[in-house]
Amino acid sequence: MAKKKSDSSPHEKRITATEIFKTPLSEASRAGLRRLAALPDSKIDCSDAPEVFPAASEVEYSRFYRPVK
């Protein structure tokens, strides 16, 4: 039977912040972090890291502001 258009899609399982920040790291993760910490900064490849956001002094305020009528 075909799915009706009015059916909603299944909800994703939400992960709480407590699960993310209080779950202990596995030993493999700890070993990887130790290996990375031992490298000098010049050896770490940051080419795939996202760009840094602009400084607060460079941010434009109210550029797209539309007052409520």
C-alpha atoms as a PDB file:
ATOM      1  CA  MET A   1       0.000   0.000   0.000  1.00  0.00           C
ATOM      2  CA  ALA A   2       1.306   3.442  -0.918  1.00  0.00           C
ATOM      3  CA  LYS A   3       2.088   5.933   1.794  1.00  0.00           C
ATOM      4  CA  LYS A   4      -0.448   8.717   2.107  1.00  0.00           C
ATOM      5  CA  LYS A   5       0.816  12.246   1.585  1.00  0.00           C
ATOM      6  CA  SER A   6      -0.663  13.294   4.898  1.00  0.00           C
ATOM      7  CA  ASP A   7       1.482  10.803   6.849  1.00  0.00           C
ATOM      8  CA  SER A   8       4.272  12.436   8.784  1.00  0.00           C
ATOM      9  CA  SER A   9       7.822  11.177   8.653  1.00  0.00           C
ATOM     10  CA  PRO A  10       9.234   9.358  11.694  1.00  0.00           C
ATOM     11  CA  HIS A  11      10.843  11.558  14.330  1.00  0.00           C
ATOM     12  CA  GLU A  12      14.565  11.381  14.924  1.00  0.00           C
ATOM     13  CA  LYS A  13      15.759  10.227  18.317  1.00  0.00           C
ATOM     14  CA  ARG A  14      16.795  13.302  20.234  1.00  0.00           C
ATOM     15  CA  ILE A  15      20.025  13.197  22.194  1.00  0.00           C
ATOM     16  CA  THR A  16      20.135  15.250  25.354  1.00  0.00           C
ATOM     17  CA  ALA A  17      23.103  17.441  26.226  1.00  0.00           C
ATOM     18  CA  THR A  18      23.662  15.279  29.295  1.00  0.00           C
ATOM     19  CA  GLU A  19      24.205  12.236  27.072  1.00  0.00           C
ATOM     20  CA  ILE A  20      26.703  14.130  24.911  1.00  0.00           C
ATOM     21  CA  PHE A  21      28.770  15.838  27.591  1.00  0.00           C
ATOM     22  CA  LYS A  22      28.639  13.321  30.448  1.00  0.00           C
ATOM     23  CA  THR A  23      29.203  10.119  28.489  1.00  0.00           C
ATOM     24  CA  PRO A  24      32.746   8.904  29.189  1.00  0.00           C
ATOM     25  CA  LEU A  25      35.125   8.599  26.232  1.00  0.00           C
ATOM     26  CA  SER A  26      36.164   5.177  25.036  1.00  0.00           C
ATOM     27  CA  GLU A  27      39.798   4.155  25.421  1.00  0.00           C
ATOM     28  CA  ALA A  28      40.255   4.367  21.637  1.00  0.00           C
ATOM     29  CA  SER A  29      38.991   7.967  21.651  1.00  0.00           C
ATOM     30  CA  ARG A  30      41.293   8.853  24.531  1.00  0.00           C
ATOM     31  CA  ALA A  31      44.281   7.326  22.721  1.00  0.00           C
ATOM     32  CA  GLY A  32      43.471   9.321  19.577  1.00  0.00           C
ATOM     33  CA  LEU A  33      43.231  12.551  21.561  1.00  0.00           C
ATOM     34  CA  ARG A  34      46.545  11.813  23.305  1.00  0.00           C
ATOM     35  CA  ARG A  35      48.208  11.174  19.922  1.00  0.00           C
ATOM     36  CA  LEU A  36      46.839  14.458  18.560  1.00  0.00           C
ATOM     37  CA  ALA A  37      47.923  16.397  21.659  1.00  0.00           C
ATOM     38  CA  ALA A  38      51.473  15.081  21.259  1.00  0.00           C
ATOM     39  CA  LEU A  39      51.795  16.496  17.723  1.00  0.00           C
ATOM     40  CA  PRO A  40      53.277  19.977  17.251  1.00  0.00           C
ATOM     41  CA  ASP A  41      50.870  22.576  15.843  1.00  0.00           C
ATOM     42  CA  SER A  42      52.745  22.714  12.530  1.00  0.00           C
ATOM     43  CA  LYS A  43      52.013  19.006  11.871  1.00  0.00           C
ATOM     44  CA  ILE A  44      48.241  19.229  12.435  1.00  0.00           C
ATOM     45  CA  ASP A  45      46.241  19.480   9.196  1.00  0.00           C
ATOM     46  CA  CYS A  46      43.502  22.100   9.628  1.00  0.00           C
ATOM     47  CA  SER A  47      42.552  22.397   5.948  1.00  0.00           C
ATOM     48  CA  ASP A  48      39.119  20.841   6.512  1.00  0.00           C
ATOM     49  CA  ALA A  49      38.278  22.986   9.553  1.00  0.00           C
ATOM     50  CA  PRO A  50      35.473  25.537   9.105  1.00  0.00           C
ATOM     51  CA  GLU A  51      36.327  29.207   8.828  1.00  0.00           C
ATOM     52  CA  VAL A  52      36.352  31.338  11.942  1.00  0.00           C
ATOM     53  CA  PHE A  53      33.368  33.631  12.425  1.00  0.00           C
ATOM     54  CA  PRO A  54      34.061  37.367  12.067  1.00  0.00           C
ATOM     55  CA  ALA A  55      35.031  39.369  15.122  1.00  0.00           C
ATOM     56  CA  ALA A  56      32.229  41.121  16.995  1.00  0.00           C
ATOM     57  CA  SER A  57      33.419  44.503  15.691  1.00  0.00           C
ATOM     58  CA  GLU A  58      32.952  43.318  12.074  1.00  0.00           C
ATOM     59  CA  VAL A  59      29.360  42.093  12.466  1.00  0.00           C
ATOM     60  CA  GLU A  60      26.632  44.246  10.901  1.00  0.00           C
ATOM     61  CA  TYR A  61      23.560  44.780  13.037  1.00  0.00           C
ATOM     62  CA  SER A  62      20.073  45.595  11.755  1.00  0.00           C
ATOM     63  CA  ARG A  63      20.989  45.001   8.115  1.00  0.00           C
ATOM     64  CA  PHE A  64      18.012  42.720   7.494  1.00  0.00           C
ATOM     65  CA  TYR A  65      15.763  44.118  10.198  1.00  0.00           C
ATOM     66  CA  ARG A  66      12.142  44.656   9.182  1.00  0.00           C
ATOM     67  CA  PRO A  67       9.883  46.379  11.693  1.00  0.00           C
ATOM     68  CA  VAL A  68       6.559  44.758  12.552  1.00  0.00           C
ATOM     69  CA  LYS A  69       3.744  46.729  10.967  1.00  0.00           C
END
